[in-house]
Amino acid sequence: MEIELKKMDTPMTDALASDKAALRRCVTLVDDEPSALDILSRAAQAFHFDCQTARSAEEALDVFEKQPTPLVVTDLCMPGNGGVWLVQEMRRRWPQTAIIVVTVGAEDEALLQCMTAGVQHYFLKPVHIDEFHHALQATWYSQIMRRENQRQKQHLESIVCMQTHRLRHTFFSAVTSLARTLEARDAYTSGHSLRVRKYALHLAHQIGLDEPSKKRLSLAAKLHDIGKIGLAEGILNKPAKLSKEEFDLVKEHPVVGERILRPIIRNRVVLAAIRSHHERFDGAGYPDGLAGENIPFLGRMITVADCYDALTSSRAYRAAMSQDDALDILNDGIATQFDPHLVPPFVRMIRRKNSRMKVR
């Protein structure tokens, strides 16, 4: 088969020029016939493509592993595993590589397998060079556009991710400010959430909680009472016992808090801890009446820390309890209000810290 090859200048778009560093203008040619391989090679070089060649599917994989190319042109009818196997392997191992099939009267089933695997073009021998040139150029430009689209997509995703992070940071700052504003409405609970977080994290350290869980616990403890933002000051600061209707409103704050935070906090563990911090181990708590191990673990931890801080802080309706009295109440509530596995280490932690303070 003889053919006259004429070197021709092909216009290079801005996209092509900008992608040359990232996407080399080269092709892997695979054919077991030396003459056919030589013609394809000279034709590709005439169209300004660098070439590497192989004479079997197995050799092609070895060559490609050492030097990947964005384009592969392969015969189907070759000794060994053959072209269909090569196409399938290339699609499995290098799915972004574009493949063109050139063959002699291939069976319909083989061509169908290749097209199903994602072959971009196929030709029957003898190859018309103009068609081959068009297929190489079209496939090359489609690779460039795919790379550019992928790069643009990644760029947009990074922008969205960054903006989302900023929005989340802004939201958390606003929520933290709300929590502080909430506590400022009641002088008796000022600093409560931060103290609860401190106690909960000390307990987490005491029981060897893993770091990811500590981060979730820290966030949930800091925001556990955010749902009280809608409560009237008359309820928050009432010096007498709350009426049933007033207490029913207070009991809604875990659910309200979860509802406020759900649009921005995607972590279900954090939301569950906020919702469940007033559940009781015996099932008599609120809002869902959960019992025992069904109560989220971080919620059980916050319950202990929350109760201890509430007992040792002054409230509108009573003075602060002593540490010993508060710890006695925690011990009395083991297995009824509190997780029996959490109270003992919490009590030991508080007593140890108190002993250190006395020594100092």
Protein backbone atom coordinates (compact mmCIF):
# COMPACT_ATOMS: atom_id res chain seq x y z
CA MET A 1 0.00 0.00 0.00
CA GLU A 2 1.62 3.22 -1.14
CA ILE A 3 0.49 6.68 -0.30
CA GLU A 4 1.90 10.13 -0.80
CA LEU A 5 2.20 11.98 2.48
CA LYS A 6 2.26 15.75 2.47
CA LYS A 7 3.33 17.64 5.57
CA MET A 8 0.69 20.17 6.41
CA ASP A 9 0.41 23.01 8.91
CA THR A 10 -2.50 22.66 11.28
CA PRO A 11 -3.85 25.69 13.14
CA MET A 12 -3.41 25.54 16.90
CA THR A 13 -6.08 27.21 18.95
CA ASP A 14 -5.40 29.04 22.19
CA ALA A 15 -6.80 26.03 24.04
CA LEU A 16 -4.31 23.74 22.31
CA ALA A 17 -1.39 26.04 23.01
CA SER A 18 -2.30 26.40 26.67
CA ASP A 19 -2.70 22.64 27.11
CA LYS A 20 0.54 21.54 25.49
CA ALA A 21 2.36 21.34 28.80
CA ALA A 22 -0.38 19.34 30.50
CA LEU A 23 -1.51 17.25 27.48
CA ARG A 24 1.24 16.24 25.07
CA ARG A 25 0.33 16.02 21.38
CA CYS A 26 1.23 12.36 21.01
CA VAL A 27 -0.32 9.03 20.14
CA THR A 28 0.30 5.32 20.75
CA LEU A 29 -0.05 3.24 17.55
CA VAL A 30 -0.68 -0.52 17.75
CA ASP A 31 -0.64 -2.89 14.74
CA ASP A 32 0.99 -6.27 14.14
CA GLU A 33 1.68 -5.45 10.45
CA PRO A 34 4.95 -3.48 10.13
CA SER A 35 3.89 -1.78 6.89
CA ALA A 36 0.54 -0.65 8.27
CA LEU A 37 2.22 0.54 11.47
CA ASP A 38 4.76 2.50 9.42
CA ILE A 39 2.04 4.22 7.39
CA LEU A 40 0.04 5.17 10.47
CA SER A 41 3.19 6.44 12.16
CA ARG A 42 4.28 8.59 9.22
CA ALA A 43 0.77 9.93 8.79
CA ALA A 44 0.48 10.89 12.47
CA GLN A 45 3.91 12.56 12.36
CA ALA A 46 2.85 14.49 9.28
CA PHE A 47 -0.03 15.84 11.36
CA HIS A 48 2.44 16.97 14.06
CA PHE A 49 1.90 14.10 16.49
CA ASP A 50 4.72 12.41 18.34
CA CYS A 51 4.37 8.63 18.08
CA GLN A 52 5.23 5.50 19.99
CA THR A 53 4.44 2.08 18.51
CA ALA A 54 3.68 -1.48 19.56
CA ARG A 55 3.02 -4.68 17.57
CA SER A 56 0.73 -6.47 20.03
CA ALA A 57 -1.81 -5.69 22.70
CA GLU A 58 0.54 -6.91 25.42
CA GLU A 59 3.42 -4.78 24.15
CA ALA A 60 1.10 -1.80 23.88
CA LEU A 61 0.24 -2.01 27.60
CA ASP A 62 3.92 -2.20 28.52
CA VAL A 63 4.74 0.81 26.33
CA PHE A 64 1.75 2.79 27.59
CA GLU A 65 2.56 2.16 31.26
CA LYS A 66 6.00 3.67 30.75
CA GLN A 67 4.75 6.61 28.66
CA PRO A 68 0.99 7.29 28.66
CA THR A 69 -0.45 9.24 25.72
CA PRO A 70 -3.82 10.96 25.39
CA LEU A 71 -4.63 9.03 22.19
CA VAL A 72 -4.33 5.35 21.19
CA VAL A 73 -4.87 3.96 17.67
CA THR A 74 -5.10 0.17 17.54
CA ASP A 75 -5.80 -2.67 15.15
CA LEU A 76 -8.31 -5.31 16.28
CA CYS A 77 -7.04 -8.46 14.58
CA MET A 78 -3.67 -9.17 16.24
CA PRO A 79 -1.98 -12.25 17.72
CA GLY A 80 -2.27 -12.80 21.44
CA ASN A 81 -5.08 -11.20 23.39
CA GLY A 82 -5.96 -8.97 20.46
CA GLY A 83 -7.38 -5.51 19.99
CA VAL A 84 -10.74 -5.94 21.72
CA TRP A 85 -8.95 -7.04 24.91
CA LEU A 86 -6.57 -4.08 24.59
CA VAL A 87 -9.47 -1.64 24.24
CA GLN A 88 -11.19 -3.08 27.30
CA GLU A 89 -7.97 -2.99 29.37
CA MET A 90 -7.26 0.59 28.32
CA ARG A 91 -10.76 1.69 29.28
CA ARG A 92 -10.49 -0.10 32.62
CA ARG A 93 -7.02 1.16 33.56
CA TRP A 94 -6.88 4.54 31.80
CA PRO A 95 -10.51 5.61 31.27
CA GLN A 96 -9.56 9.15 30.20
CA THR A 97 -7.56 7.91 27.18
CA ALA A 98 -9.23 8.32 23.76
CA ILE A 99 -9.13 5.25 21.49
CA ILE A 100 -9.43 4.92 17.70
CA VAL A 101 -9.80 1.46 16.09
CA VAL A 102 -8.36 0.62 12.65
CA THR A 103 -8.95 -2.90 11.32
CA VAL A 104 -9.65 -5.15 8.33
CA GLY A 105 -13.28 -6.28 8.04
CA ALA A 106 -13.81 -6.81 11.74
CA GLU A 107 -16.77 -8.78 12.98
CA ASP A 108 -19.78 -6.78 14.01
CA GLU A 109 -19.62 -8.24 17.52
CA ALA A 110 -16.00 -7.12 17.99
CA LEU A 111 -16.80 -3.60 16.79
CA LEU A 112 -19.86 -3.50 19.04
CA GLN A 113 -17.71 -4.49 22.01
CA CYS A 114 -15.26 -1.70 21.19
CA MET A 115 -17.95 0.92 20.75
CA THR A 116 -19.59 -0.20 23.99
CA ALA A 117 -16.22 0.16 25.73
CA GLY A 118 -16.05 3.80 24.59
CA VAL A 119 -14.05 3.88 21.35
CA GLN A 120 -14.21 7.34 19.75
CA HIS A 121 -13.74 6.32 16.07
CA TYR A 122 -13.13 3.22 13.97
CA PHE A 123 -11.93 2.72 10.36
CA LEU A 124 -11.70 -0.19 7.99
CA LYS A 125 -8.41 -0.72 6.12
CA PRO A 126 -7.20 0.62 3.80
CA VAL A 127 -7.30 3.85 5.75
CA HIS A 128 -8.04 7.11 3.97
CA ILE A 129 -5.46 9.52 5.30
CA ASP A 130 -7.77 12.53 5.23
CA GLU A 131 -10.29 10.64 7.39
CA PHE A 132 -7.51 9.48 9.69
CA HIS A 133 -6.27 13.08 9.98
CA HIS A 134 -9.77 14.31 10.81
CA ALA A 135 -10.25 11.57 13.43
CA LEU A 136 -6.91 12.33 15.10
CA GLN A 137 -7.56 16.06 15.18
CA ALA A 138 -11.17 15.75 16.36
CA THR A 139 -10.24 13.28 19.08
CA TRP A 140 -7.27 15.41 20.15
CA TYR A 141 -9.40 18.55 20.46
CA SER A 142 -12.11 16.65 22.33
CA GLN A 143 -9.44 15.54 24.81
CA ILE A 144 -8.34 19.13 25.28
CA MET A 145 -11.92 20.28 25.80
CA ARG A 146 -12.56 17.44 28.24
CA ARG A 147 -9.46 18.41 30.22
CA GLU A 148 -10.48 22.07 30.15
CA ASN A 149 -14.03 21.25 31.26
CA GLN A 150 -12.67 19.05 34.03
CA ARG A 151 -10.33 21.82 35.15
CA GLN A 152 -13.16 24.36 35.09
CA LYS A 153 -15.37 21.98 37.07
CA GLN A 154 -12.68 21.47 39.69
CA HIS A 155 -12.11 25.22 39.84
CA LEU A 156 -15.82 25.89 40.35
CA GLU A 157 -16.05 23.14 42.96
CA SER A 158 -13.13 24.66 44.86
CA ILE A 159 -14.83 28.08 44.76
CA VAL A 160 -18.11 26.60 46.00
CA CYS A 161 -16.24 24.68 48.73
CA MET A 162 -14.43 27.85 49.83
CA GLN A 163 -17.62 29.91 49.85
CA THR A 164 -19.43 27.16 51.75
CA HIS A 165 -16.63 27.12 54.32
CA ARG A 166 -16.89 30.90 54.69
CA LEU A 167 -20.66 30.72 55.08
CA ARG A 168 -20.34 27.97 57.67
CA HIS A 169 -17.75 30.00 59.57
CA THR A 170 -20.00 33.06 59.44
CA PHE A 171 -22.98 31.00 60.58
CA PHE A 172 -21.08 29.43 63.47
CA SER A 173 -19.84 32.86 64.53
CA ALA A 174 -23.41 34.14 64.46
CA VAL A 175 -24.70 31.13 66.38
CA THR A 176 -21.95 31.49 68.98
CA SER A 177 -22.89 35.13 69.36
CA LEU A 178 -26.52 34.10 69.75
CA ALA A 179 -25.53 31.63 72.47
CA ARG A 180 -23.64 34.34 74.32
CA THR A 181 -26.54 36.74 73.85
CA LEU A 182 -28.87 34.09 75.23
CA GLU A 183 -26.74 33.64 78.33
CA ALA A 184 -26.39 37.41 78.74
CA ARG A 185 -30.17 37.58 79.12
CA ASP A 186 -29.81 35.50 82.27
CA ALA A 187 -26.98 36.50 84.58
CA TYR A 188 -27.28 33.16 86.37
CA THR A 189 -26.42 31.11 83.26
CA SER A 190 -23.65 33.36 81.93
CA GLY A 191 -20.80 31.17 80.65
CA HIS A 192 -22.85 27.98 81.13
CA SER A 193 -22.30 26.55 77.65
CA LEU A 194 -18.55 27.07 77.74
CA ARG A 195 -18.32 25.46 81.17
CA VAL A 196 -20.41 22.51 79.99
CA ARG A 197 -18.06 22.12 77.03
CA LYS A 198 -15.05 22.24 79.37
CA TYR A 199 -16.48 19.58 81.69
CA ALA A 200 -17.57 17.39 78.78
CA LEU A 201 -14.13 17.54 77.16
CA HIS A 202 -12.42 16.72 80.48
CA LEU A 203 -14.71 13.71 80.75
CA ALA A 204 -13.90 12.75 77.16
CA HIS A 205 -10.20 12.80 78.00
CA GLN A 206 -10.86 10.76 81.13
CA ILE A 207 -12.58 7.94 79.19
CA GLY A 208 -10.20 8.04 76.21
CA LEU A 209 -12.63 9.34 73.61
CA ASP A 210 -11.14 9.59 70.10
CA GLU A 211 -10.24 12.99 68.65
CA PRO A 212 -12.97 13.21 65.95
CA SER A 213 -15.61 12.49 68.61
CA LYS A 214 -14.05 15.12 70.90
CA LYS A 215 -14.47 17.74 68.16
CA ARG A 216 -18.12 16.80 67.69
CA LEU A 217 -18.65 16.85 71.46
CA SER A 218 -17.04 20.28 71.74
CA LEU A 219 -19.38 21.75 69.13
CA ALA A 220 -22.51 20.08 70.50
CA ALA A 221 -21.75 21.12 74.08
CA LYS A 222 -21.11 24.73 73.11
CA LEU A 223 -24.44 24.93 71.26
CA HIS A 224 -26.57 22.56 73.33
CA ASP A 225 -28.87 25.30 74.71
CA ILE A 226 -29.18 27.41 71.54
CA GLY A 227 -32.84 26.40 71.30
CA LYS A 228 -33.62 28.59 74.33
CA ILE A 229 -33.13 31.67 72.17
CA GLY A 230 -36.89 31.85 71.62
CA LEU A 231 -37.86 31.61 75.28
CA ALA A 232 -39.22 34.71 76.99
CA GLU A 233 -37.01 36.33 79.63
CA GLY A 234 -39.86 35.93 82.09
CA ILE A 235 -39.42 32.17 81.82
CA LEU A 236 -35.63 32.22 81.78
CA ASN A 237 -35.37 34.42 84.88
CA LYS A 238 -38.46 33.31 86.79
CA PRO A 239 -37.54 33.03 90.50
CA ALA A 240 -40.43 30.68 91.29
CA LYS A 241 -41.26 27.22 90.01
CA LEU A 242 -42.35 27.12 86.35
CA SER A 243 -45.94 26.31 85.53
CA LYS A 244 -46.68 23.20 83.46
CA GLU A 245 -47.23 25.32 80.36
CA GLU A 246 -43.96 27.19 80.91
CA PHE A 247 -42.02 24.00 81.49
CA ASP A 248 -43.51 22.50 78.32
CA LEU A 249 -42.06 25.46 76.42
CA VAL A 250 -38.66 24.92 78.02
CA LYS A 251 -38.78 21.23 77.08
CA GLU A 252 -38.97 22.20 73.41
CA HIS A 253 -35.52 23.81 73.35
CA PRO A 254 -33.54 20.67 72.35
CA VAL A 255 -35.77 20.23 69.29
CA VAL A 256 -35.68 23.94 68.46
CA GLY A 257 -31.90 23.93 68.75
CA GLU A 258 -31.60 20.99 66.37
CA ARG A 259 -33.96 22.72 63.93
CA ILE A 260 -31.92 25.95 64.01
CA LEU A 261 -28.63 24.16 63.39
CA ARG A 262 -29.73 21.48 60.90
CA PRO A 263 -29.34 23.66 57.76
CA ILE A 264 -25.65 24.25 58.44
CA ILE A 265 -24.44 21.35 60.62
CA ARG A 266 -24.49 18.26 58.45
CA ASN A 267 -23.07 15.95 61.11
CA ARG A 268 -25.91 13.87 62.51
CA VAL A 269 -23.92 12.93 65.61
CA VAL A 270 -23.65 16.58 66.64
CA LEU A 271 -27.33 17.25 65.99
CA ALA A 272 -28.36 14.09 67.86
CA ALA A 273 -26.24 15.11 70.87
CA ILE A 274 -27.92 18.53 71.00
CA ARG A 275 -31.38 17.03 70.68
CA SER A 276 -30.81 14.34 73.32
CA HIS A 277 -29.02 16.18 76.13
CA HIS A 278 -32.15 16.14 78.32
CA GLU A 279 -32.96 12.45 77.85
CA ARG A 280 -32.74 10.24 80.95
CA PHE A 281 -31.16 6.81 81.16
CA ASP A 282 -34.45 5.37 82.50
CA GLY A 283 -36.44 6.78 79.56
CA ALA A 284 -38.23 9.51 81.53
CA GLY A 285 -36.48 12.42 79.79
CA TYR A 286 -37.37 14.59 76.82
CA PRO A 287 -37.99 15.26 73.95
CA ASP A 288 -38.13 11.65 72.66
CA GLY A 289 -38.23 9.52 75.82
CA LEU A 290 -35.13 7.55 74.77
CA ALA A 291 -33.59 5.15 77.28
CA GLY A 292 -30.23 3.50 77.96
CA GLU A 293 -27.97 2.84 74.99
CA ASN A 294 -30.58 4.30 72.64
CA ILE A 295 -29.61 7.77 73.84
CA PRO A 296 -26.74 9.08 71.65
CA PHE A 297 -23.46 8.69 73.55
CA LEU A 298 -22.35 12.32 73.21
CA GLY A 299 -25.78 13.39 74.44
CA ARG A 300 -25.28 11.26 77.55
CA MET A 301 -21.92 12.92 78.16
CA ILE A 302 -23.40 16.42 77.83
CA THR A 303 -26.21 15.45 80.23
CA VAL A 304 -23.73 14.75 83.04
CA ALA A 305 -21.69 17.92 82.40
CA ASP A 306 -24.83 20.05 81.97
CA CYS A 307 -26.41 18.84 85.19
CA TYR A 308 -23.24 19.32 87.23
CA ASP A 309 -22.77 22.89 86.02
CA ALA A 310 -26.44 23.68 86.63
CA LEU A 311 -26.22 22.35 90.19
CA THR A 312 -23.03 24.25 91.04
CA SER A 313 -24.22 27.56 89.55
CA SER A 314 -26.53 30.06 91.17
CA ARG A 315 -30.00 30.28 89.64
CA ALA A 316 -32.84 32.75 90.07
CA TYR A 317 -34.75 30.24 92.20
CA ARG A 318 -31.85 28.85 94.31
CA ALA A 319 -28.23 29.30 95.38
CA ALA A 320 -25.39 27.24 93.96
CA MET A 321 -24.83 23.84 95.53
CA SER A 322 -21.49 22.73 96.90
CA GLN A 323 -19.36 20.43 94.82
CA ASP A 324 -19.91 17.50 97.19
CA ASP A 325 -23.69 17.92 97.17
CA ALA A 326 -23.71 18.12 93.38
CA LEU A 327 -21.59 14.99 93.04
CA ASP A 328 -23.89 13.17 95.48
CA ILE A 329 -26.85 14.01 93.24
CA LEU A 330 -24.95 12.66 90.21
CA ASN A 331 -24.21 9.43 92.08
CA ASP A 332 -27.84 9.15 93.18
CA GLY A 333 -28.90 9.52 89.55
CA ILE A 334 -26.78 6.63 88.23
CA ALA A 335 -28.84 4.36 85.95
CA THR A 336 -31.93 6.53 86.38
CA GLN A 337 -30.96 9.93 85.03
CA PHE A 338 -27.35 9.28 84.03
CA ASP A 339 -25.29 6.68 82.19
CA PRO A 340 -23.74 4.48 84.93
CA HIS A 341 -20.50 4.25 82.95
CA LEU A 342 -20.02 8.03 82.81
CA VAL A 343 -20.76 9.28 86.31
CA PRO A 344 -17.89 7.48 88.15
CA PRO A 345 -15.12 8.84 85.87
CA PHE A 346 -16.73 12.30 85.97
CA VAL A 347 -16.83 12.27 89.78
CA ARG A 348 -13.20 11.10 89.97
CA MET A 349 -12.20 13.84 87.56
CA ILE A 350 -13.92 16.60 89.57
CA ARG A 351 -12.52 15.37 92.89
CA ARG A 352 -9.01 15.09 91.42
CA LYS A 353 -9.16 18.63 90.07
CA ASN A 354 -10.45 19.91 93.39
CA SER A 355 -7.63 18.15 95.25
CA ARG A 356 -5.05 19.73 92.98
CA MET A 357 -6.55 23.17 93.59
CA LYS A 358 -6.36 22.62 97.36
CA VAL A 359 -2.73 21.55 97.14
CA ARG A 360 -1.89 24.70 95.23
